Amino acid sequence: LFDFGRAIFAYNTVSEAARNGARVAIVNQRPTDICGVAAGRAVALGLPIACQGSQTAVGVYVSASDGGQSCDALKVGPDDCVQTVKVTYVFTAITPIISTVIGPIKVSSASQVPVESLCNALGCPLP
């Protein structure tokens, strides 16, 4: 029961971190700001604050999907410029028997949001 509760906590925390990172990405496209907010929501899991270079790495991964074109002020919309925030954590059970039986489990969650406003020459809104 103890490990099951910890696993559910890890999944909920990872999901919340991805959602909050995505909320920042709607108006602020700086990966460092997005990753900082997402990792800040998962402090109990000890995720790295720096953005990860791969979707499979433990931590926060941010990518922009814009159909191969760069996002600009004329192309901001639900179909043109989408940010994806993926948070990954490796859960390991504490009890020795359970950890031997199931081993480490990768827990991840991703959120996609359309960009509503791009950062301008004056900067981006603070997260």
N, C-alpha and C. Protein backbone atom coordinates (compact mmCIF):
# COMPACT_ATOMS: atom_id res chain seq x y z
N LEU A 1 0.82 -1.21 0.00
CA LEU A 1 0.00 0.00 0.00
C LEU A 1 0.86 1.26 0.00
N PHE A 2 1.94 1.21 0.76
CA PHE A 2 2.81 2.38 0.85
C PHE A 2 3.38 2.75 -0.53
N ASP A 3 3.91 1.77 -1.25
CA ASP A 3 4.48 2.03 -2.56
C ASP A 3 3.42 2.41 -3.58
N PHE A 4 2.23 1.83 -3.49
CA PHE A 4 1.14 2.20 -4.38
C PHE A 4 0.78 3.67 -4.20
N GLY A 5 0.70 4.12 -2.96
CA GLY A 5 0.42 5.53 -2.67
C GLY A 5 1.50 6.45 -3.23
N ARG A 6 2.75 6.05 -3.08
CA ARG A 6 3.86 6.84 -3.62
C ARG A 6 3.80 6.91 -5.14
N ALA A 7 3.42 5.80 -5.79
CA ALA A 7 3.32 5.78 -7.25
C ALA A 7 2.22 6.73 -7.73
N ILE A 8 1.08 6.70 -7.06
CA ILE A 8 -0.02 7.61 -7.42
C ILE A 8 0.40 9.06 -7.20
N PHE A 9 1.10 9.33 -6.10
CA PHE A 9 1.60 10.68 -5.84
C PHE A 9 2.55 11.12 -6.96
N ALA A 10 3.45 10.24 -7.38
CA ALA A 10 4.40 10.57 -8.44
C ALA A 10 3.66 10.88 -9.74
N TYR A 11 2.67 10.07 -10.09
CA TYR A 11 1.92 10.31 -11.32
C TYR A 11 1.17 11.64 -11.27
N ASN A 12 0.50 11.92 -10.16
CA ASN A 12 -0.22 13.20 -10.02
C ASN A 12 0.72 14.38 -10.07
N THR A 13 1.88 14.26 -9.45
CA THR A 13 2.85 15.35 -9.45
C THR A 13 3.40 15.60 -10.84
N VAL A 14 3.72 14.55 -11.57
CA VAL A 14 4.24 14.68 -12.93
C VAL A 14 3.18 15.31 -13.84
N SER A 15 1.93 14.90 -13.70
CA SER A 15 0.84 15.48 -14.50
C SER A 15 0.65 16.96 -14.20
N GLU A 16 0.66 17.31 -12.94
CA GLU A 16 0.51 18.72 -12.53
C GLU A 16 1.67 19.56 -13.05
N ALA A 17 2.87 19.03 -13.00
CA ALA A 17 4.05 19.76 -13.49
C ALA A 17 3.94 20.01 -14.99
N ALA A 18 3.50 19.02 -15.76
CA ALA A 18 3.35 19.20 -17.21
C ALA A 18 2.27 20.24 -17.53
N ARG A 19 1.17 20.20 -16.80
CA ARG A 19 0.09 21.18 -17.04
C ARG A 19 0.56 22.59 -16.72
N ASN A 20 1.26 22.77 -15.61
CA ASN A 20 1.72 24.12 -15.25
C ASN A 20 2.79 24.63 -16.20
N GLY A 21 3.68 23.77 -16.65
CA GLY A 21 4.66 24.17 -17.65
C GLY A 21 3.98 24.59 -18.94
N ALA A 22 2.96 23.86 -19.34
CA ALA A 22 2.22 24.21 -20.56
C ALA A 22 1.48 25.53 -20.42
N ARG A 23 0.97 25.81 -19.24
CA ARG A 23 0.28 27.10 -19.02
C ARG A 23 1.23 28.27 -19.22
N VAL A 24 2.48 28.10 -18.79
CA VAL A 24 3.48 29.15 -19.01
C VAL A 24 3.78 29.28 -20.50
N ALA A 25 3.85 28.15 -21.21
CA ALA A 25 4.21 28.14 -22.63
C ALA A 25 3.19 28.85 -23.51
N ILE A 26 1.99 29.06 -23.02
CA ILE A 26 0.97 29.76 -23.80
C ILE A 26 1.42 31.17 -24.13
N VAL A 27 2.06 31.85 -23.19
CA VAL A 27 2.47 33.24 -23.40
C VAL A 27 3.98 33.46 -23.29
N ASN A 28 4.73 32.49 -22.83
CA ASN A 28 6.17 32.64 -22.64
C ASN A 28 6.85 31.40 -23.24
N GLN A 29 7.56 31.58 -24.34
CA GLN A 29 8.14 30.44 -25.04
C GLN A 29 9.61 30.17 -24.68
N ARG A 30 10.12 30.80 -23.65
CA ARG A 30 11.50 30.54 -23.23
C ARG A 30 11.56 29.18 -22.53
N PRO A 31 12.31 28.23 -23.08
CA PRO A 31 12.38 26.90 -22.45
C PRO A 31 12.85 26.93 -21.00
N THR A 32 13.77 27.83 -20.67
CA THR A 32 14.26 27.86 -19.28
C THR A 32 13.15 28.26 -18.32
N ASP A 33 12.29 29.18 -18.71
CA ASP A 33 11.17 29.58 -17.85
C ASP A 33 10.15 28.45 -17.73
N ILE A 34 9.86 27.80 -18.85
CA ILE A 34 8.89 26.70 -18.84
C ILE A 34 9.38 25.56 -17.97
N CYS A 35 10.64 25.17 -18.16
CA CYS A 35 11.21 24.05 -17.39
C CYS A 35 11.32 24.40 -15.91
N GLY A 36 11.65 25.64 -15.61
CA GLY A 36 11.75 26.06 -14.22
C GLY A 36 10.43 25.96 -13.49
N VAL A 37 9.35 26.38 -14.13
CA VAL A 37 8.03 26.31 -13.51
C VAL A 37 7.60 24.85 -13.37
N ALA A 38 7.78 24.06 -14.43
CA ALA A 38 7.37 22.66 -14.37
C ALA A 38 8.14 21.90 -13.29
N ALA A 39 9.45 22.07 -13.25
CA ALA A 39 10.27 21.38 -12.24
C ALA A 39 9.94 21.90 -10.84
N GLY A 40 9.58 23.17 -10.74
CA GLY A 40 9.20 23.73 -9.45
C GLY A 40 7.93 23.12 -8.88
N ARG A 41 7.05 22.65 -9.77
CA ARG A 41 5.82 22.00 -9.31
C ARG A 41 6.07 20.56 -8.87
N ALA A 42 7.25 20.03 -9.20
CA ALA A 42 7.58 18.65 -8.86
C ALA A 42 8.80 18.59 -7.95
N VAL A 43 8.90 19.54 -7.04
CA VAL A 43 10.06 19.61 -6.14
C VAL A 43 10.24 18.33 -5.35
N ALA A 44 9.16 17.72 -4.91
CA ALA A 44 9.25 16.51 -4.09
C ALA A 44 9.88 15.34 -4.85
N LEU A 45 9.83 15.38 -6.18
CA LEU A 45 10.41 14.30 -6.97
C LEU A 45 11.88 14.54 -7.28
N GLY A 46 12.37 15.74 -7.07
CA GLY A 46 13.77 16.04 -7.32
C GLY A 46 14.13 16.10 -8.79
N LEU A 47 13.23 16.57 -9.64
CA LEU A 47 13.53 16.69 -11.06
C LEU A 47 14.54 17.80 -11.32
N PRO A 48 15.40 17.64 -12.31
CA PRO A 48 16.34 18.72 -12.65
C PRO A 48 15.59 19.92 -13.21
N ILE A 49 16.04 21.12 -12.84
CA ILE A 49 15.39 22.35 -13.30
C ILE A 49 15.74 22.65 -14.76
N ALA A 50 16.92 22.26 -15.19
CA ALA A 50 17.32 22.51 -16.57
C ALA A 50 16.52 21.63 -17.53
N CYS A 51 16.23 22.17 -18.71
CA CYS A 51 15.50 21.41 -19.72
C CYS A 51 16.34 20.23 -20.21
N GLN A 52 15.65 19.15 -20.52
CA GLN A 52 16.32 17.96 -21.02
C GLN A 52 16.33 17.98 -22.55
N GLY A 53 17.32 17.37 -23.13
CA GLY A 53 17.46 17.37 -24.59
C GLY A 53 16.72 16.23 -25.28
N SER A 54 16.08 15.37 -24.52
CA SER A 54 15.41 14.21 -25.09
C SER A 54 14.08 13.97 -24.38
N GLN A 55 13.11 13.46 -25.12
CA GLN A 55 11.81 13.15 -24.51
C GLN A 55 11.89 12.01 -23.52
N THR A 56 12.90 11.16 -23.65
CA THR A 56 12.99 9.99 -22.79
C THR A 56 13.81 10.25 -21.53
N ALA A 57 14.49 11.39 -21.44
CA ALA A 57 15.30 11.70 -20.27
C ALA A 57 14.42 12.06 -19.08
N VAL A 58 14.92 11.79 -17.88
CA VAL A 58 14.19 12.17 -16.67
C VAL A 58 14.26 13.68 -16.52
N GLY A 59 13.12 14.31 -16.33
CA GLY A 59 13.06 15.76 -16.19
C GLY A 59 12.00 16.35 -17.10
N VAL A 60 12.21 17.60 -17.51
CA VAL A 60 11.24 18.34 -18.31
C VAL A 60 11.79 18.54 -19.72
N TYR A 61 10.98 18.21 -20.71
CA TYR A 61 11.35 18.37 -22.12
C TYR A 61 10.31 19.28 -22.77
N VAL A 62 10.77 20.30 -23.50
CA VAL A 62 9.88 21.25 -24.16
C VAL A 62 10.16 21.22 -25.65
N SER A 63 9.08 21.16 -26.45
CA SER A 63 9.25 21.23 -27.90
C SER A 63 8.13 22.06 -28.49
N ALA A 64 8.44 22.73 -29.60
CA ALA A 64 7.45 23.51 -30.33
C ALA A 64 7.13 22.77 -31.62
N SER A 65 5.86 22.58 -31.89
CA SER A 65 5.42 21.93 -33.12
C SER A 65 4.67 22.96 -33.93
N ASP A 66 5.27 23.39 -35.01
CA ASP A 66 4.64 24.45 -35.80
C ASP A 66 4.53 24.07 -37.27
N GLY A 67 4.44 22.80 -37.57
CA GLY A 67 4.28 22.37 -38.95
C GLY A 67 5.50 22.65 -39.81
N GLY A 68 6.67 22.75 -39.20
CA GLY A 68 7.89 22.99 -39.96
C GLY A 68 8.16 24.45 -40.26
N GLN A 69 7.26 25.33 -39.87
CA GLN A 69 7.46 26.75 -40.09
C GLN A 69 7.71 27.42 -38.76
N SER A 70 8.36 28.56 -38.80
CA SER A 70 8.62 29.26 -37.55
C SER A 70 7.35 29.98 -37.10
N CYS A 71 7.18 30.03 -35.79
CA CYS A 71 6.02 30.73 -35.24
C CYS A 71 6.28 32.23 -35.33
N ASP A 72 5.35 32.94 -35.87
CA ASP A 72 5.44 34.40 -35.86
C ASP A 72 4.07 34.96 -35.50
N ALA A 73 3.99 36.27 -35.36
CA ALA A 73 2.77 36.91 -34.88
C ALA A 73 1.57 36.62 -35.78
N LEU A 74 1.81 36.37 -37.07
CA LEU A 74 0.70 36.11 -37.98
C LEU A 74 0.23 34.67 -37.92
N LYS A 75 1.03 33.79 -37.37
CA LYS A 75 0.69 32.37 -37.37
C LYS A 75 0.34 31.83 -36.00
N VAL A 76 0.07 32.67 -35.04
CA VAL A 76 -0.29 32.20 -33.71
C VAL A 76 -1.74 31.78 -33.72
N GLY A 77 -1.97 30.55 -33.36
CA GLY A 77 -3.33 30.02 -33.33
C GLY A 77 -3.32 28.56 -32.96
N PRO A 78 -4.49 27.96 -32.79
CA PRO A 78 -4.56 26.58 -32.31
C PRO A 78 -3.96 25.55 -33.25
N ASP A 79 -3.87 25.85 -34.55
CA ASP A 79 -3.35 24.87 -35.49
C ASP A 79 -1.93 25.16 -35.94
N ASP A 80 -1.42 26.33 -35.66
CA ASP A 80 -0.16 26.74 -36.23
C ASP A 80 1.03 26.59 -35.30
N CYS A 81 0.89 26.97 -34.08
CA CYS A 81 2.03 27.01 -33.17
C CYS A 81 1.63 26.34 -31.85
N VAL A 82 2.12 25.13 -31.62
CA VAL A 82 1.75 24.36 -30.45
C VAL A 82 2.99 24.04 -29.64
N GLN A 83 2.93 24.26 -28.34
CA GLN A 83 4.03 23.91 -27.44
C GLN A 83 3.67 22.62 -26.72
N THR A 84 4.64 21.73 -26.58
CA THR A 84 4.46 20.49 -25.85
C THR A 84 5.43 20.47 -24.68
N VAL A 85 4.91 20.17 -23.51
CA VAL A 85 5.73 20.04 -22.31
C VAL A 85 5.57 18.61 -21.80
N LYS A 86 6.68 17.88 -21.71
CA LYS A 86 6.63 16.50 -21.24
C LYS A 86 7.52 16.38 -20.00
N VAL A 87 6.96 15.79 -18.96
CA VAL A 87 7.68 15.59 -17.70
C VAL A 87 7.80 14.08 -17.47
N THR A 88 9.02 13.64 -17.17
CA THR A 88 9.29 12.21 -16.98
C THR A 88 10.01 11.99 -15.65
N TYR A 89 9.63 10.93 -14.96
CA TYR A 89 10.22 10.57 -13.67
C TYR A 89 10.31 9.05 -13.61
N VAL A 90 11.34 8.55 -12.96
CA VAL A 90 11.48 7.11 -12.78
C VAL A 90 11.14 6.79 -11.32
N PHE A 91 10.04 6.04 -11.15
CA PHE A 91 9.58 5.64 -9.82
C PHE A 91 10.23 4.32 -9.44
N THR A 92 10.77 4.26 -8.22
CA THR A 92 11.34 3.03 -7.68
C THR A 92 10.69 2.77 -6.33
N ALA A 93 10.17 1.57 -6.17
CA ALA A 93 9.52 1.21 -4.90
C ALA A 93 10.56 1.16 -3.78
N ILE A 94 10.11 1.49 -2.57
CA ILE A 94 11.01 1.49 -1.40
C ILE A 94 11.10 0.10 -0.78
N THR A 95 9.98 -0.60 -0.71
CA THR A 95 10.02 -1.92 -0.08
C THR A 95 10.81 -2.89 -0.95
N PRO A 96 11.74 -3.63 -0.36
CA PRO A 96 12.65 -4.48 -1.14
C PRO A 96 11.96 -5.53 -2.01
N ILE A 97 10.94 -6.18 -1.50
CA ILE A 97 10.29 -7.24 -2.28
C ILE A 97 9.58 -6.65 -3.50
N ILE A 98 8.85 -5.57 -3.30
CA ILE A 98 8.12 -4.93 -4.40
C ILE A 98 9.10 -4.38 -5.43
N SER A 99 10.18 -3.74 -4.99
CA SER A 99 11.13 -3.17 -5.95
C SER A 99 11.81 -4.26 -6.77
N THR A 100 12.01 -5.43 -6.18
CA THR A 100 12.60 -6.54 -6.91
C THR A 100 11.62 -7.09 -7.95
N VAL A 101 10.36 -7.16 -7.59
CA VAL A 101 9.35 -7.73 -8.47
C VAL A 101 9.04 -6.80 -9.65
N ILE A 102 8.77 -5.52 -9.38
CA ILE A 102 8.34 -4.62 -10.46
C ILE A 102 9.48 -3.80 -11.04
N GLY A 103 10.55 -3.58 -10.29
CA GLY A 103 11.65 -2.77 -10.80
C GLY A 103 11.25 -1.31 -10.95
N PRO A 104 12.10 -0.50 -11.56
CA PRO A 104 11.76 0.91 -11.77
C PRO A 104 10.69 1.07 -12.84
N ILE A 105 9.81 2.04 -12.64
CA ILE A 105 8.72 2.32 -13.58
C ILE A 105 8.85 3.77 -14.04
N LYS A 106 8.85 3.97 -15.35
CA LYS A 106 8.91 5.32 -15.90
C LYS A 106 7.51 5.93 -15.90
N VAL A 107 7.37 7.06 -15.24
CA VAL A 107 6.10 7.77 -15.15
C VAL A 107 6.26 9.07 -15.93
N SER A 108 5.38 9.32 -16.90
CA SER A 108 5.51 10.56 -17.67
C SER A 108 4.13 11.10 -18.02
N SER A 109 4.10 12.38 -18.30
CA SER A 109 2.88 13.05 -18.71
C SER A 109 3.26 14.19 -19.64
N ALA A 110 2.42 14.44 -20.63
CA ALA A 110 2.68 15.52 -21.58
C ALA A 110 1.43 16.39 -21.71
N SER A 111 1.66 17.68 -21.92
CA SER A 111 0.58 18.62 -22.17
C SER A 111 0.90 19.42 -23.42
N GLN A 112 -0.09 19.60 -24.28
CA GLN A 112 0.07 20.41 -25.48
C GLN A 112 -0.88 21.59 -25.40
N VAL A 113 -0.35 22.76 -25.73
CA VAL A 113 -1.17 23.97 -25.72
C VAL A 113 -0.84 24.83 -26.93
N PRO A 114 -1.85 25.51 -27.49
CA PRO A 114 -1.56 26.46 -28.57
C PRO A 114 -0.98 27.75 -27.98
N VAL A 115 -0.02 28.31 -28.66
CA VAL A 115 0.57 29.57 -28.22
C VAL A 115 -0.42 30.69 -28.52
N GLU A 116 -0.70 31.51 -27.52
CA GLU A 116 -1.65 32.61 -27.70
C GLU A 116 -0.97 33.93 -28.00
N SER A 117 0.23 34.13 -27.45
CA SER A 117 0.97 35.35 -27.78
C SER A 117 2.46 35.04 -27.71
N LEU A 118 3.19 35.59 -28.66
CA LEU A 118 4.63 35.36 -28.73
C LEU A 118 5.37 36.40 -27.91
N CYS A 119 6.54 36.03 -27.47
CA CYS A 119 7.40 36.99 -26.80
C CYS A 119 7.79 38.04 -27.83
N ASN A 120 7.90 39.29 -27.39
CA ASN A 120 8.26 40.36 -28.31
C ASN A 120 9.63 40.95 -27.96
N ALA A 121 9.98 42.03 -28.58
CA ALA A 121 11.29 42.66 -28.36
C ALA A 121 11.46 43.12 -26.92
N LEU A 122 10.37 43.39 -26.23
CA LEU A 122 10.44 43.83 -24.85
C LEU A 122 10.61 42.66 -23.88
N GLY A 123 10.42 41.44 -24.37
CA GLY A 123 10.60 40.26 -23.53
C GLY A 123 9.34 39.44 -23.43
N CYS A 124 9.40 38.51 -22.52
CA CYS A 124 8.27 37.60 -22.27
C CYS A 124 7.71 37.88 -20.88
N PRO A 125 6.44 37.57 -20.66
CA PRO A 125 5.91 37.70 -19.29
C PRO A 125 6.65 36.77 -18.35
N LEU A 126 6.81 37.18 -17.13
CA LEU A 126 7.46 36.33 -16.14
C LEU A 126 6.54 35.20 -15.75
N PRO A 127 7.10 33.99 -15.51
CA PRO A 127 6.23 32.87 -15.13
C PRO A 127 5.65 33.05 -13.74
